[in-house]
């Protein structure tokens, strides 16, 4: 099997525009510096080995999760500021991360699946096991909410 794909802004924009129900999304390239405070999603291969991570700042996590249930913007902003997602927004962000796994695969790549959401020390440990991997960052405008930062750490 071939290695995982490294997402490009255009593919991220297409996937998230469809998810958020908009015609167009202007996803920008971000830097490769992971935020000090973030939430992540771990992706494992068929043997259960960690092979990639999605890392999001709390703005992306709160806004993308809130957008799927149309939770008011103020509530999403509070969750982002407090770095504390409600159960519903957390479940929705999990689904966003699950859908984003498709950005890392094609017919020739390793098959992966979403394992779990991680925060704090568990996130730092997971990212640490992927040391030397590519970090690809994006700035994502979530319609009706605001901008967030999204990163993929790909081995």
C-alpha atoms as a PDB file:
ATOM      1  CA  UNK A   1       0.000   0.000   0.000  1.00  0.00           C
ATOM      2  CA  UNK A   2       1.079   3.536  -0.707  1.00  0.00           C
ATOM      3  CA  UNK A   3       1.489   6.157   1.973  1.00  0.00           C
ATOM      4  CA  UNK A   4      -1.241   8.532   3.012  1.00  0.00           C
ATOM      5  CA  UNK A   5      -2.082  11.645   1.030  1.00  0.00           C
ATOM      6  CA  UNK A   6      -1.066  15.104   2.171  1.00  0.00           C
ATOM      7  CA  UNK A   7      -4.216  17.249   1.846  1.00  0.00           C
ATOM      8  CA  UNK A   8      -4.231  20.405  -0.256  1.00  0.00           C
ATOM      9  CA  UNK A   9      -6.327  23.518   0.445  1.00  0.00           C
ATOM     10  CA  UNK A  10      -8.573  22.827  -2.550  1.00  0.00           C
ATOM     11  CA  UNK A  11      -9.536  19.334  -1.410  1.00  0.00           C
ATOM     12  CA  UNK A  12     -10.119  20.549   2.161  1.00  0.00           C
ATOM     13  CA  UNK A  13     -12.289  23.384   0.813  1.00  0.00           C
ATOM     14  CA  UNK A  14     -14.362  21.025  -1.346  1.00  0.00           C
ATOM     15  CA  UNK A  15     -14.930  18.523   1.439  1.00  0.00           C
ATOM     16  CA  UNK A  16     -15.862  21.119   4.069  1.00  0.00           C
ATOM     17  CA  UNK A  17     -18.016  23.200   1.689  1.00  0.00           C
ATOM     18  CA  UNK A  18     -20.103  20.095   1.032  1.00  0.00           C
ATOM     19  CA  UNK A  19     -20.258  19.324   4.755  1.00  0.00           C
ATOM     20  CA  UNK A  20     -21.338  22.861   5.684  1.00  0.00           C
ATOM     21  CA  UNK A  21     -23.786  23.107   2.771  1.00  0.00           C
ATOM     22  CA  UNK A  22     -22.179  26.056   0.991  1.00  0.00           C
ATOM     23  CA  UNK A  23     -21.143  26.461  -2.632  1.00  0.00           C
ATOM     24  CA  UNK A  24     -17.641  27.714  -1.994  1.00  0.00           C
ATOM     25  CA  UNK A  25     -15.181  27.918   0.867  1.00  0.00           C
ATOM     26  CA  UNK A  26     -11.915  29.866   0.752  1.00  0.00           C
ATOM     27  CA  UNK A  27      -9.571  27.613   2.711  1.00  0.00           C
ATOM     28  CA  UNK A  28      -6.115  29.113   3.052  1.00  0.00           C
ATOM     29  CA  UNK A  29      -2.774  27.474   3.627  1.00  0.00           C
ATOM     30  CA  UNK A  30      -1.672  27.866   7.228  1.00  0.00           C
ATOM     31  CA  UNK A  31       1.611  27.379   8.943  1.00  0.00           C
ATOM     32  CA  UNK A  32       3.025  24.085  10.161  1.00  0.00           C
ATOM     33  CA  UNK A  33       3.174  25.113  13.827  1.00  0.00           C
ATOM     34  CA  UNK A  34       0.623  23.217  15.873  1.00  0.00           C
ATOM     35  CA  UNK A  35      -1.269  25.348  18.395  1.00  0.00           C
ATOM     36  CA  UNK A  36      -0.320  25.005  22.046  1.00  0.00           C
ATOM     37  CA  UNK A  37      -3.946  24.349  22.942  1.00  0.00           C
ATOM     38  CA  UNK A  38      -5.892  22.084  20.633  1.00  0.00           C
ATOM     39  CA  UNK A  39      -8.037  19.007  20.224  1.00  0.00           C
ATOM     40  CA  UNK A  40      -7.016  16.140  17.999  1.00  0.00           C
ATOM     41  CA  UNK A  41      -8.342  13.065  16.312  1.00  0.00           C
ATOM     42  CA  UNK A  42      -6.152  10.010  15.905  1.00  0.00           C
ATOM     43  CA  UNK A  43      -6.254   7.847  12.787  1.00  0.00           C
ATOM     44  CA  UNK A  44      -5.042   4.251  12.836  1.00  0.00           C
ATOM     45  CA  UNK A  45      -4.288   1.729  10.108  1.00  0.00           C
ATOM     46  CA  UNK A  46      -5.866  -1.734   9.890  1.00  0.00           C
ATOM     47  CA  UNK A  47      -3.343  -3.079  12.435  1.00  0.00           C
ATOM     48  CA  UNK A  48      -4.275  -0.349  14.927  1.00  0.00           C
ATOM     49  CA  UNK A  49      -1.032   1.621  14.563  1.00  0.00           C
ATOM     50  CA  UNK A  50      -1.286   5.406  14.799  1.00  0.00           C
ATOM     51  CA  UNK A  51      -0.479   6.800  11.345  1.00  0.00           C
ATOM     52  CA  UNK A  52      -1.980  10.302  11.271  1.00  0.00           C
ATOM     53  CA  UNK A  53      -3.624  12.996  13.349  1.00  0.00           C
ATOM     54  CA  UNK A  54      -6.088  15.770  12.684  1.00  0.00           C
ATOM     55  CA  UNK A  55      -5.377  18.665  15.045  1.00  0.00           C
ATOM     56  CA  UNK A  56      -7.721  21.629  15.383  1.00  0.00           C
ATOM     57  CA  UNK A  57      -7.675  24.778  17.414  1.00  0.00           C
ATOM     58  CA  UNK A  58     -10.731  25.146  19.617  1.00  0.00           C
ATOM     59  CA  UNK A  59     -12.268  27.682  17.233  1.00  0.00           C
ATOM     60  CA  UNK A  60     -12.321  25.153  14.399  1.00  0.00           C
ATOM     61  CA  UNK A  61     -13.586  22.376  16.683  1.00  0.00           C
ATOM     62  CA  UNK A  62     -16.339  24.483  18.266  1.00  0.00           C
ATOM     63  CA  UNK A  63     -17.425  26.250  15.074  1.00  0.00           C
ATOM     64  CA  UNK A  64     -17.424  23.161  12.852  1.00  0.00           C
ATOM     65  CA  UNK A  65     -19.234  21.104  15.477  1.00  0.00           C
ATOM     66  CA  UNK A  66     -21.768  23.853  16.126  1.00  0.00           C
ATOM     67  CA  UNK A  67     -22.368  24.407  12.406  1.00  0.00           C
ATOM     68  CA  UNK A  68     -23.632  20.844  11.939  1.00  0.00           C
ATOM     69  CA  UNK A  69     -26.411  21.400  14.499  1.00  0.00           C
ATOM     70  CA  UNK A  70     -26.863  25.125  13.877  1.00  0.00           C
ATOM     71  CA  UNK A  71     -26.013  25.944  17.479  1.00  0.00           C
ATOM     72  CA  UNK A  72     -25.987  29.734  17.960  1.00  0.00           C
ATOM     73  CA  UNK A  73     -22.718  31.491  17.177  1.00  0.00           C
ATOM     74  CA  UNK A  74     -22.415  32.960  20.699  1.00  0.00           C
ATOM     75  CA  UNK A  75     -22.492  29.523  22.286  1.00  0.00           C
ATOM     76  CA  UNK A  76     -19.842  28.263  19.877  1.00  0.00           C
ATOM     77  CA  UNK A  77     -17.659  31.298  20.575  1.00  0.00           C
ATOM     78  CA  UNK A  78     -17.936  30.636  24.316  1.00  0.00           C
ATOM     79  CA  UNK A  79     -16.925  26.988  23.839  1.00  0.00           C
ATOM     80  CA  UNK A  80     -13.919  28.041  21.742  1.00  0.00           C
ATOM     81  CA  UNK A  81     -12.851  30.658  24.282  1.00  0.00           C
ATOM     82  CA  UNK A  82     -13.321  28.283  27.229  1.00  0.00           C
ATOM     83  CA  UNK A  83     -11.741  25.355  25.324  1.00  0.00           C
ATOM     84  CA  UNK A  84     -14.647  23.236  26.525  1.00  0.00           C
ATOM     85  CA  UNK A  85     -16.939  21.613  23.944  1.00  0.00           C
ATOM     86  CA  UNK A  86     -20.451  20.503  24.826  1.00  0.00           C
ATOM     87  CA  UNK A  87     -21.238  16.829  24.357  1.00  0.00           C
ATOM     88  CA  UNK A  88     -23.205  17.542  21.157  1.00  0.00           C
ATOM     89  CA  UNK A  89     -20.532  19.782  19.623  1.00  0.00           C
ATOM     90  CA  UNK A  90     -17.845  17.250  20.551  1.00  0.00           C
ATOM     91  CA  UNK A  91     -19.851  14.468  18.833  1.00  0.00           C
ATOM     92  CA  UNK A  92     -20.291  16.660  15.750  1.00  0.00           C
ATOM     93  CA  UNK A  93     -16.575  17.515  15.667  1.00  0.00           C
ATOM     94  CA  UNK A  94     -15.867  13.770  15.862  1.00  0.00           C
ATOM     95  CA  UNK A  95     -17.973  13.368  12.713  1.00  0.00           C
ATOM     96  CA  UNK A  96     -16.091  16.213  10.989  1.00  0.00           C
ATOM     97  CA  UNK A  97     -12.822  14.448  11.844  1.00  0.00           C
ATOM     98  CA  UNK A  98     -14.228  11.147  10.589  1.00  0.00           C
ATOM     99  CA  UNK A  99     -15.213  12.694   7.254  1.00  0.00           C
ATOM    100  CA  UNK A 100     -11.809  14.394   6.987  1.00  0.00           C
ATOM    101  CA  UNK A 101     -10.125  10.980   7.065  1.00  0.00           C
ATOM    102  CA  UNK A 102     -11.118  10.728   3.388  1.00  0.00           C
ATOM    103  CA  UNK A 103      -8.741  13.588   2.635  1.00  0.00           C
ATOM    104  CA  UNK A 104      -5.837  11.300   3.565  1.00  0.00           C
ATOM    105  CA  UNK A 105      -6.779   8.266   1.447  1.00  0.00           C
ATOM    106  CA  UNK A 106      -7.251   7.176  -2.130  1.00  0.00           C
ATOM    107  CA  UNK A 107      -7.498   3.759  -3.828  1.00  0.00           C
ATOM    108  CA  UNK A 108      -3.755   3.152  -3.483  1.00  0.00           C
ATOM    109  CA  UNK A 109      -3.115   4.498   0.019  1.00  0.00           C
ATOM    110  CA  UNK A 110      -3.131   2.776   3.363  1.00  0.00           C
ATOM    111  CA  UNK A 111      -6.668   2.393   4.741  1.00  0.00           C
ATOM    112  CA  UNK A 112      -7.207   4.326   7.958  1.00  0.00           C
ATOM    113  CA  UNK A 113     -10.021   4.900  10.411  1.00  0.00           C
ATOM    114  CA  UNK A 114     -10.725   7.418  13.134  1.00  0.00           C
ATOM    115  CA  UNK A 115      -9.788   6.013  16.530  1.00  0.00           C
ATOM    116  CA  UNK A 116     -10.582   8.709  19.098  1.00  0.00           C
ATOM    117  CA  UNK A 117     -10.500  12.375  20.056  1.00  0.00           C
ATOM    118  CA  UNK A 118      -7.604  13.404  22.280  1.00  0.00           C
ATOM    119  CA  UNK A 119      -6.693  16.553  24.198  1.00  0.00           C
ATOM    120  CA  UNK A 120      -4.006  17.819  26.533  1.00  0.00           C
ATOM    121  CA  UNK A 121      -1.154  15.466  27.377  1.00  0.00           C
ATOM    122  CA  UNK A 122      -2.718  12.629  25.340  1.00  0.00           C
ATOM    123  CA  UNK A 123      -2.670  14.857  22.254  1.00  0.00           C
ATOM    124  CA  UNK A 124       0.947  15.854  22.831  1.00  0.00           C
ATOM    125  CA  UNK A 125       1.910  12.184  23.300  1.00  0.00           C
ATOM    126  CA  UNK A 126       0.095  11.096  20.127  1.00  0.00           C
ATOM    127  CA  UNK A 127       1.661  13.841  18.025  1.00  0.00           C
ATOM    128  CA  UNK A 128       5.034  12.988  19.579  1.00  0.00           C
ATOM    129  CA  UNK A 129       4.792   9.400  18.310  1.00  0.00           C
ATOM    130  CA  UNK A 130       4.479  10.825  14.790  1.00  0.00           C
ATOM    131  CA  UNK A 131       7.685  12.860  15.164  1.00  0.00           C
ATOM    132  CA  UNK A 132       9.221  13.606  11.787  1.00  0.00           C
ATOM    133  CA  UNK A 133       5.839  13.521  10.060  1.00  0.00           C
ATOM    134  CA  UNK A 134       4.602  16.259   7.756  1.00  0.00           C
ATOM    135  CA  UNK A 135       2.410  18.924   9.362  1.00  0.00           C
ATOM    136  CA  UNK A 136       0.013  20.596   6.925  1.00  0.00           C
ATOM    137  CA  UNK A 137      -1.946  23.587   8.239  1.00  0.00           C
ATOM    138  CA  UNK A 138      -5.031  25.388   6.944  1.00  0.00           C
ATOM    139  CA  UNK A 139      -7.097  28.410   7.892  1.00  0.00           C
ATOM    140  CA  UNK A 140     -10.759  27.520   7.483  1.00  0.00           C
ATOM    141  CA  UNK A 141     -13.679  29.958   7.509  1.00  0.00           C
ATOM    142  CA  UNK A 142     -16.700  28.212   8.998  1.00  0.00           C
ATOM    143  CA  UNK A 143     -19.777  29.869   7.475  1.00  0.00           C
ATOM    144  CA  UNK A 144     -21.784  31.979   9.937  1.00  0.00           C
ATOM    145  CA  UNK A 145     -19.259  31.319  12.742  1.00  0.00           C
ATOM    146  CA  UNK A 146     -15.691  32.418  12.071  1.00  0.00           C
ATOM    147  CA  UNK A 147     -12.221  31.187  11.233  1.00  0.00           C
ATOM    148  CA  UNK A 148     -10.492  28.198  12.713  1.00  0.00           C
ATOM    149  CA  UNK A 149      -7.214  26.418  12.179  1.00  0.00           C
ATOM    150  CA  UNK A 150      -6.977  22.821  11.055  1.00  0.00           C
ATOM    151  CA  UNK A 151      -3.847  20.675  10.769  1.00  0.00           C
ATOM    152  CA  UNK A 152      -3.027  17.216   9.505  1.00  0.00           C
ATOM    153  CA  UNK A 153       0.000  15.356  10.871  1.00  0.00           C
ATOM    154  CA  UNK A 154       0.783  12.637   8.344  1.00  0.00           C
ATOM    155  CA  UNK A 155       3.485   9.985   8.586  1.00  0.00           C
END
